[in-house]
Amino acid sequence: MRMPKLSALVFACVAIAAQAASPGPEAADAVVDGVMRPLMREHGIPGMSVAITINGRDRIYHYGIASKDSGAAVTDSTLFEIGSVSKTFTAVLAAHAEARGVLALSESPSAYLPALRGTALDQVTLLQLATHTGGGLPLQVPDAIGDDESLQAYFHAWRPASPPGGQRVYSNLGTGLLGMATAAASGEPFETAVERRIFRPLGMQSSFFQVPDSRRKDYAQGYTKQDAPIRLRPGMFWAEAYGVRSNAADLLRFVKAHMPGTRLDPPLRQAVAAVQQARHRAGELGQGLVWETYPWPATLDRLLAGNADAMVYDAVEAEWIGPARRDEAEVVVNKTGSTNGFAAYVAFVPSRRLGIVMLANRNYPAAARIRAAHAVLTALDARDGNGRGR
């Protein structure tokens, strides 16, 4: 039997939400199920966890299996690799350090890493590292870098490909350097700092860099695009750029921390506000500190363009626009993440207190994630919390 395509289901999902007086639990269930089940069939995804929040009301959904070998179902406890969504924690940690007065994003990384003084990085700011405008640092950490000595040698030899601030070049190396400088300024190891400053205050008890033995049974098996089993192997700057393992409930807590009305200590509240502020316009997106923004309602075409391969692999002209205030316009904030065996997507509309987390144990195309999340968010935002059509 032919299954309906996702594009056709979008309209059905919007209709379901529009018919409801308010996008309550039953309407939300129909919307999410109507999008995610066909998505999994189309892309051969073994298991998924999806979490949504609608004006303070949360729903979490689990689909399929965490491992083909064991047949274990995805549950509340299942841990997924979240890939580059991990970068958002690095950005919040840096903004938190600035809020506490131990770091200034306007400074260069060499201000906190004395071994880099006298290098071309003296002309690059931490803010530029956080917005991928640091002069063209590469996407991947070069294979020749395997320890601190080779890392220092690389940075001493590095020369910017373009003036810092002028182009957006998405970079694991740049995010890694941001995390390294932040840890040095804070006087504690990077992983310890994230756990102490972000995970614990937000009650994220199922988020890890190193999955403890007591939770190994919850760690989903990942699968490549060719359906081979695989899990992440640590490497240089892996923790800062793509190393977090988490579950849907924890990531939803992180998302909700970025929304108005969430109780946070002042430095953390200042940090999550700062990272969402677009500082550059690059192509279709507004580049915040790792987070990427678009006007809301956002067209699907615009979201797809902003998350296209060209935005990952190519240099894109960057225009300084910020920092834009959160209250100037409604925006949707998003970030994709992938490892070889997992796929993640997070998107939220702070002013609407609306958000979605999608985690899967197969690496499937980012465009499919964007289409699915856009369908869900559009449907759930079809009416506001008072039941009025928009």
Protein backbone atom coordinates (compact mmCIF):
# COMPACT_ATOMS: atom_id res chain seq x y z
CA MET A 1 0.00 0.00 0.00
CA ARG A 2 1.35 3.44 -0.91
CA MET A 3 1.81 5.69 2.12
CA PRO A 4 0.82 9.37 1.91
CA LYS A 5 3.72 11.74 1.38
CA LEU A 6 4.73 14.09 4.16
CA SER A 7 3.82 17.19 2.13
CA ALA A 8 0.23 15.99 1.85
CA LEU A 9 0.08 15.22 5.55
CA VAL A 10 1.11 18.78 6.39
CA PHE A 11 -2.24 20.10 5.25
CA ALA A 12 -4.11 17.45 7.19
CA CYS A 13 -2.17 18.30 10.33
CA VAL A 14 -2.83 22.01 9.98
CA ALA A 15 -6.52 21.26 9.50
CA ILE A 16 -6.60 19.17 12.69
CA ALA A 17 -5.07 21.97 14.72
CA ALA A 18 -7.20 24.65 13.12
CA GLN A 19 -10.38 22.79 14.02
CA ALA A 20 -9.44 22.68 17.69
CA ALA A 21 -10.40 25.57 19.95
CA SER A 22 -6.81 25.48 21.19
CA PRO A 23 -3.89 23.20 20.25
CA GLY A 24 -4.42 20.92 23.23
CA PRO A 25 -3.02 17.45 23.89
CA GLU A 26 -5.32 15.51 21.56
CA ALA A 27 -4.76 17.85 18.64
CA ALA A 28 -1.02 17.85 19.29
CA ASP A 29 -0.92 14.05 19.38
CA ALA A 30 -2.63 13.82 16.00
CA VAL A 31 -0.30 16.42 14.49
CA VAL A 32 2.92 14.81 15.73
CA ASP A 33 1.87 11.24 14.90
CA GLY A 34 0.65 12.32 11.47
CA VAL A 35 4.08 13.76 10.62
CA MET A 36 6.58 11.52 12.41
CA ARG A 37 5.30 8.06 11.48
CA PRO A 38 5.47 8.70 7.71
CA LEU A 39 8.86 10.39 8.20
CA MET A 40 10.25 7.26 9.85
CA ARG A 41 8.89 5.00 7.12
CA GLU A 42 10.21 7.19 4.34
CA HIS A 43 13.75 7.34 5.75
CA GLY A 44 14.04 3.95 7.44
CA ILE A 45 14.51 5.45 10.90
CA PRO A 46 14.57 2.71 13.58
CA GLY A 47 13.63 4.95 16.51
CA MET A 48 12.74 8.51 17.43
CA SER A 49 11.90 10.66 20.41
CA VAL A 50 9.98 13.88 19.83
CA ALA A 51 9.16 16.50 22.45
CA ILE A 52 6.98 19.56 22.03
CA THR A 53 6.04 22.46 24.27
CA ILE A 54 3.00 24.66 23.68
CA ASN A 55 2.64 27.62 26.03
CA GLY A 56 4.00 25.65 28.98
CA ARG A 57 2.29 22.35 28.16
CA ASP A 58 4.71 19.57 27.26
CA ARG A 59 4.22 16.34 25.32
CA ILE A 60 6.85 13.66 24.65
CA TYR A 61 6.47 10.90 22.06
CA HIS A 62 8.54 7.79 21.43
CA TYR A 63 8.56 5.72 18.28
CA GLY A 64 10.23 2.52 17.19
CA ILE A 65 13.31 0.82 18.59
CA ALA A 66 16.58 1.92 20.15
CA SER A 67 18.49 -1.08 18.77
CA LYS A 68 17.79 -3.52 15.96
CA ASP A 69 19.79 -6.22 17.72
CA SER A 70 17.94 -6.10 21.01
CA GLY A 71 14.61 -4.81 19.72
CA ALA A 72 14.40 -2.55 22.78
CA ALA A 73 11.78 0.14 22.41
CA VAL A 74 12.60 3.85 22.58
CA THR A 75 11.50 5.10 26.01
CA ASP A 76 11.74 8.16 28.24
CA SER A 77 15.24 7.00 29.22
CA THR A 78 16.66 6.52 25.72
CA LEU A 79 19.79 8.56 25.03
CA PHE A 80 20.63 9.90 21.59
CA GLU A 81 23.69 11.61 20.17
CA ILE A 82 22.66 15.18 19.37
CA GLY A 83 25.59 16.16 17.16
CA SER A 84 26.06 19.87 16.54
CA VAL A 85 23.14 20.82 18.76
CA SER A 86 25.92 20.38 21.35
CA LYS A 87 27.40 23.65 20.06
CA THR A 88 24.50 25.55 21.62
CA PHE A 89 25.71 24.48 25.08
CA THR A 90 29.18 25.82 24.25
CA ALA A 91 27.62 29.14 23.26
CA VAL A 92 25.50 29.36 26.42
CA LEU A 93 28.54 28.52 28.55
CA ALA A 94 30.52 31.35 26.92
CA ALA A 95 27.66 33.83 27.36
CA HIS A 96 27.25 32.66 30.96
CA ALA A 97 30.94 33.30 31.62
CA GLU A 98 30.52 36.81 30.23
CA ALA A 99 27.46 37.37 32.42
CA ARG A 100 29.52 36.35 35.44
CA GLY A 101 32.27 38.78 34.46
CA VAL A 102 35.03 36.21 33.88
CA LEU A 103 35.14 36.58 30.10
CA ALA A 104 34.39 39.17 27.41
CA LEU A 105 33.18 37.98 24.02
CA SER A 106 34.82 41.04 22.48
CA GLU A 107 38.23 39.67 23.48
CA SER A 108 40.35 37.31 21.38
CA PRO A 109 40.85 33.69 22.43
CA SER A 110 44.49 34.53 23.08
CA ALA A 111 43.37 36.76 25.95
CA TYR A 112 42.55 33.55 27.84
CA LEU A 113 44.95 31.14 26.12
CA PRO A 114 48.41 32.71 26.45
CA ALA A 115 49.98 30.11 24.14
CA LEU A 116 48.06 31.67 21.23
CA ARG A 117 49.38 35.19 21.73
CA GLY A 118 51.20 36.53 18.71
CA THR A 119 49.16 34.39 16.30
CA ALA A 120 46.56 35.51 13.75
CA LEU A 121 43.93 34.61 16.35
CA ASP A 122 44.80 37.84 18.15
CA GLN A 123 42.60 39.51 15.51
CA VAL A 124 39.65 37.17 16.02
CA THR A 125 37.08 37.66 18.79
CA LEU A 126 35.23 35.03 20.79
CA LEU A 127 32.00 36.51 19.44
CA GLN A 128 33.22 35.83 15.91
CA LEU A 129 34.01 32.24 16.84
CA ALA A 130 30.49 31.88 18.26
CA THR A 131 28.93 33.27 15.05
CA HIS A 132 31.15 31.31 12.63
CA THR A 133 32.70 34.54 11.34
CA GLY A 134 36.23 33.97 12.64
CA GLY A 135 38.05 34.29 9.34
CA GLY A 136 37.53 30.88 7.80
CA LEU A 137 38.51 28.24 10.34
CA PRO A 138 37.68 24.87 8.77
CA LEU A 139 34.56 22.80 9.30
CA GLN A 140 36.42 19.74 10.60
CA VAL A 141 39.44 19.56 12.86
CA PRO A 142 42.32 18.64 10.50
CA ASP A 143 43.41 15.01 10.70
CA ALA A 144 46.96 16.09 11.62
CA ILE A 145 45.71 17.51 14.93
CA GLY A 146 45.70 14.79 17.54
CA ASP A 147 47.03 16.42 20.70
CA ASP A 148 47.62 19.81 22.29
CA GLU A 149 51.06 20.17 20.71
CA SER A 150 49.78 19.69 17.16
CA LEU A 151 46.80 21.92 17.91
CA GLN A 152 49.08 24.76 19.02
CA ALA A 153 51.25 24.27 15.93
CA TYR A 154 48.18 24.49 13.69
CA PHE A 155 46.95 27.71 15.30
CA HIS A 156 50.40 29.30 15.07
CA ALA A 157 50.53 28.53 11.34
CA TRP A 158 46.91 29.44 10.58
CA ARG A 159 46.09 32.54 8.52
CA PRO A 160 42.53 33.80 7.95
CA ALA A 161 41.05 33.13 4.52
CA SER A 162 39.01 36.32 4.81
CA PRO A 163 38.88 39.28 7.23
CA PRO A 164 37.24 38.16 10.50
CA GLY A 165 33.61 39.18 10.66
CA GLY A 166 33.09 39.30 6.90
CA GLN A 167 32.08 35.74 6.05
CA ARG A 168 30.22 32.96 7.79
CA VAL A 169 32.13 29.67 7.60
CA TYR A 170 30.59 26.97 9.77
CA SER A 171 33.36 25.50 11.91
CA ASN A 172 33.74 22.75 14.48
CA LEU A 173 37.26 24.03 15.07
CA GLY A 174 36.02 27.54 15.82
CA THR A 175 33.40 26.29 18.27
CA GLY A 176 36.00 24.07 19.89
CA LEU A 177 38.33 27.03 20.36
CA LEU A 178 35.45 29.04 21.87
CA GLY A 179 34.87 26.27 24.40
CA MET A 180 38.57 25.93 25.13
CA ALA A 181 38.93 29.66 25.84
CA THR A 182 35.77 29.70 27.96
CA ALA A 183 36.99 26.79 30.06
CA ALA A 184 40.35 28.52 30.58
CA ALA A 185 38.64 31.75 31.63
CA SER A 186 36.37 29.85 34.00
CA GLY A 187 39.23 27.85 35.53
CA GLU A 188 37.58 24.46 35.10
CA PRO A 189 37.48 21.73 32.44
CA PHE A 190 34.96 22.32 29.67
CA GLU A 191 32.80 19.27 30.37
CA THR A 192 32.74 20.01 34.10
CA ALA A 193 31.74 23.61 33.40
CA VAL A 194 28.80 22.62 31.19
CA GLU A 195 27.58 20.07 33.71
CA ARG A 196 27.91 22.52 36.61
CA ARG A 197 26.65 25.69 34.92
CA ILE A 198 23.95 24.34 32.58
CA PHE A 199 22.96 20.69 33.04
CA ARG A 200 22.52 20.77 36.83
CA PRO A 201 20.74 24.14 37.13
CA LEU A 202 18.26 23.10 34.44
CA GLY A 203 17.66 19.64 35.96
CA MET A 204 19.14 17.88 32.93
CA GLN A 205 19.92 14.57 34.62
CA SER A 206 20.06 12.56 31.38
CA SER A 207 22.62 14.65 29.49
CA PHE A 208 26.21 13.46 29.28
CA PHE A 209 29.50 13.77 27.48
CA GLN A 210 30.54 10.36 28.75
CA VAL A 211 27.59 8.02 29.24
CA PRO A 212 27.99 6.47 32.71
CA ASP A 213 27.96 2.69 33.09
CA SER A 214 24.61 2.92 34.85
CA ARG A 215 23.05 4.41 31.70
CA ARG A 216 24.78 2.40 28.98
CA LYS A 217 21.67 0.27 28.58
CA ASP A 218 19.75 3.44 27.65
CA TYR A 219 22.20 4.53 24.95
CA ALA A 220 20.53 3.97 21.58
CA GLN A 221 22.41 2.26 18.79
CA GLY A 222 23.00 4.62 15.90
CA TYR A 223 22.77 3.70 12.22
CA THR A 224 24.47 5.27 9.22
CA LYS A 225 22.78 6.27 5.98
CA GLN A 226 23.84 2.83 4.74
CA ASP A 227 22.18 1.24 7.81
CA ALA A 228 25.45 0.17 9.47
CA PRO A 229 25.55 0.35 13.31
CA ILE A 230 27.79 3.09 14.66
CA ARG A 231 28.38 5.30 17.69
CA LEU A 232 30.41 8.44 18.24
CA ARG A 233 34.14 8.21 18.88
CA PRO A 234 35.74 11.07 20.86
CA GLY A 235 38.28 13.27 19.11
CA MET A 236 39.79 16.73 19.36
CA PHE A 237 37.09 19.28 20.32
CA TRP A 238 34.39 16.62 20.13
CA ALA A 239 32.77 17.68 23.41
CA GLU A 240 32.56 21.34 22.44
CA ALA A 241 31.29 20.72 18.91
CA TYR A 242 29.17 17.55 18.80
CA GLY A 243 29.67 15.37 21.89
CA VAL A 244 26.49 15.59 24.02
CA ARG A 245 24.23 12.58 24.49
CA SER A 246 20.80 13.40 25.82
CA ASN A 247 17.11 12.53 25.74
CA ALA A 248 14.07 14.43 24.51
CA ALA A 249 12.89 15.54 27.95
CA ASP A 250 16.26 17.06 28.87
CA LEU A 251 16.57 18.93 25.58
CA LEU A 252 13.05 20.25 26.01
CA ARG A 253 14.11 21.65 29.40
CA PHE A 254 16.98 23.38 27.63
CA VAL A 255 14.64 24.77 24.99
CA LYS A 256 12.20 26.07 27.59
CA ALA A 257 15.05 27.84 29.40
CA HIS A 258 15.29 30.09 26.32
CA MET A 259 11.66 31.19 26.61
CA PRO A 260 10.09 34.07 28.54
CA GLY A 261 8.87 33.33 32.04
CA THR A 262 11.28 30.51 32.85
CA ARG A 263 12.85 30.88 36.30
CA LEU A 264 16.62 31.04 36.01
CA ASP A 265 19.42 32.58 38.01
CA PRO A 266 20.39 35.99 36.56
CA PRO A 267 23.63 34.95 34.76
CA LEU A 268 21.95 31.99 33.06
CA ARG A 269 18.91 34.08 32.13
CA GLN A 270 21.24 36.69 30.61
CA ALA A 271 23.16 34.00 28.75
CA VAL A 272 20.17 32.29 27.09
CA ALA A 273 18.86 35.70 26.02
CA ALA A 274 22.22 36.67 24.52
CA VAL A 275 22.75 33.55 22.44
CA GLN A 276 19.44 34.01 20.61
CA GLN A 277 20.21 37.54 19.44
CA ALA A 278 21.09 37.58 15.74
CA ARG A 279 24.39 39.40 15.19
CA HIS A 280 24.91 38.74 11.46
CA ARG A 281 22.70 38.11 8.48
CA ALA A 282 24.09 35.34 6.27
CA GLY A 283 21.96 34.15 3.39
CA GLU A 284 18.47 33.49 4.73
CA LEU A 285 19.41 33.19 8.39
CA GLY A 286 20.19 35.49 11.26
CA GLN A 287 23.28 34.16 13.02
CA GLY A 288 23.16 34.28 16.79
CA LEU A 289 25.71 32.65 19.07
CA VAL A 290 25.48 29.24 17.36
CA TRP A 291 21.66 29.44 17.28
CA GLU A 292 20.18 30.52 13.93
CA THR A 293 17.05 32.65 13.60
CA TYR A 294 14.36 33.47 11.04
CA PRO A 295 11.30 35.75 11.17
CA TRP A 296 8.22 33.89 12.34
CA PRO A 297 6.06 32.73 10.69
CA ALA A 298 8.93 31.34 8.61
CA THR A 299 8.37 29.96 5.15
CA LEU A 300 9.50 26.40 4.58
CA ASP A 301 11.65 27.52 1.65
CA ARG A 302 13.52 29.97 3.84
CA LEU A 303 14.20 27.39 6.54
CA LEU A 304 15.38 24.89 3.96
CA ALA A 305 17.72 27.45 2.41
CA GLY A 306 19.15 28.41 5.78
CA ASN A 307 19.82 24.77 6.63
CA ALA A 308 21.07 23.73 3.19
CA ASP A 309 24.43 22.05 2.63
CA ALA A 310 25.85 25.30 1.28
CA MET A 311 25.43 26.89 4.72
CA VAL A 312 27.56 24.11 6.21
CA TYR A 313 30.25 23.67 3.58
CA ASP A 314 30.59 27.06 1.85
CA ALA A 315 31.65 30.57 2.83
CA VAL A 316 28.66 32.95 2.90
CA GLU A 317 28.88 36.73 3.11
CA ALA A 318 27.95 37.96 6.59
CA GLU A 319 26.43 41.37 7.29
CA TRP A 320 26.66 42.74 10.84
CA ILE A 321 23.15 43.62 12.06
CA GLY A 322 23.16 43.12 15.78
CA PRO A 323 22.65 42.47 18.45
CA ALA A 324 18.98 42.34 17.56
CA ARG A 325 16.68 42.60 20.56
CA ARG A 326 14.41 39.66 21.29
CA ASP A 327 11.36 41.91 21.42
CA GLU A 328 11.89 43.54 18.02
CA ALA A 329 10.16 40.78 16.08
CA GLU A 330 8.88 37.25 16.43
CA VAL A 331 11.50 34.72 15.39
CA VAL A 332 11.97 30.98 15.19
CA VAL A 333 15.32 29.79 16.56
CA ASN A 334 16.78 26.52 15.28
CA LYS A 335 19.79 24.19 15.09
CA THR A 336 20.42 20.91 13.33
CA GLY A 337 22.80 18.26 14.60
CA SER A 338 24.18 15.03 13.19
CA THR A 339 26.72 12.34 13.89
CA ASN A 340 27.35 9.42 11.56
CA GLY A 341 24.59 7.43 13.22
CA PHE A 342 22.17 9.99 14.69
CA ALA A 343 20.15 13.03 13.63
CA ALA A 344 18.74 15.85 15.74
CA TYR A 345 16.77 19.03 15.19
CA VAL A 346 15.63 21.68 17.66
CA ALA A 347 13.41 24.66 16.84
CA PHE A 348 11.42 27.05 19.00
CA VAL A 349 9.47 30.31 18.85
CA PRO A 350 10.25 32.08 22.14
CA SER A 351 7.44 34.65 21.96
CA ARG A 352 4.90 31.88 21.38
CA ARG A 353 6.46 29.54 23.96
CA LEU A 354 6.32 26.94 21.23
CA GLY A 355 9.07 24.44 20.50
CA ILE A 356 10.04 21.01 19.20
CA VAL A 357 12.89 18.56 19.76
CA MET A 358 13.43 15.70 17.29
CA LEU A 359 15.96 12.92 17.98
CA ALA A 360 16.58 9.87 15.79
CA ASN A 361 19.04 6.98 15.78
CA ARG A 362 19.70 7.21 12.06
CA ASN A 363 21.42 9.94 10.11
CA TYR A 364 18.76 11.11 7.64
CA PRO A 365 18.64 14.33 5.58
CA ALA A 366 18.39 17.67 7.35
CA ALA A 367 15.80 18.85 4.83
CA ALA A 368 13.43 16.09 5.94
CA ARG A 369 13.82 17.19 9.57
CA ILE A 370 13.08 20.79 8.64
CA ARG A 371 9.94 19.85 6.70
CA ALA A 372 8.63 17.71 9.55
CA ALA A 373 9.30 20.27 12.28
CA HIS A 374 7.86 23.09 10.18
CA ALA A 375 4.70 21.06 9.62
CA VAL A 376 4.29 20.46 13.36
CA LEU A 377 5.11 24.00 14.49
CA THR A 378 2.89 25.57 11.83
CA ALA A 379 -0.01 23.33 12.76
CA LEU A 380 0.35 23.91 16.50
CA ASP A 381 0.65 27.66 15.99
CA ALA A 382 -2.46 27.76 13.79
CA ARG A 383 -4.33 29.21 16.75
CA ASP A 384 -3.00 31.01 19.78
CA GLY A 385 -3.44 29.88 23.38
CA ASN A 386 -6.77 31.72 23.69
CA GLY A 387 -8.33 29.84 20.82
CA ARG A 388 -8.25 32.77 18.43
CA GLY A 389 -7.36 32.17 14.79
CA ARG A 390 -4.16 33.83 13.62
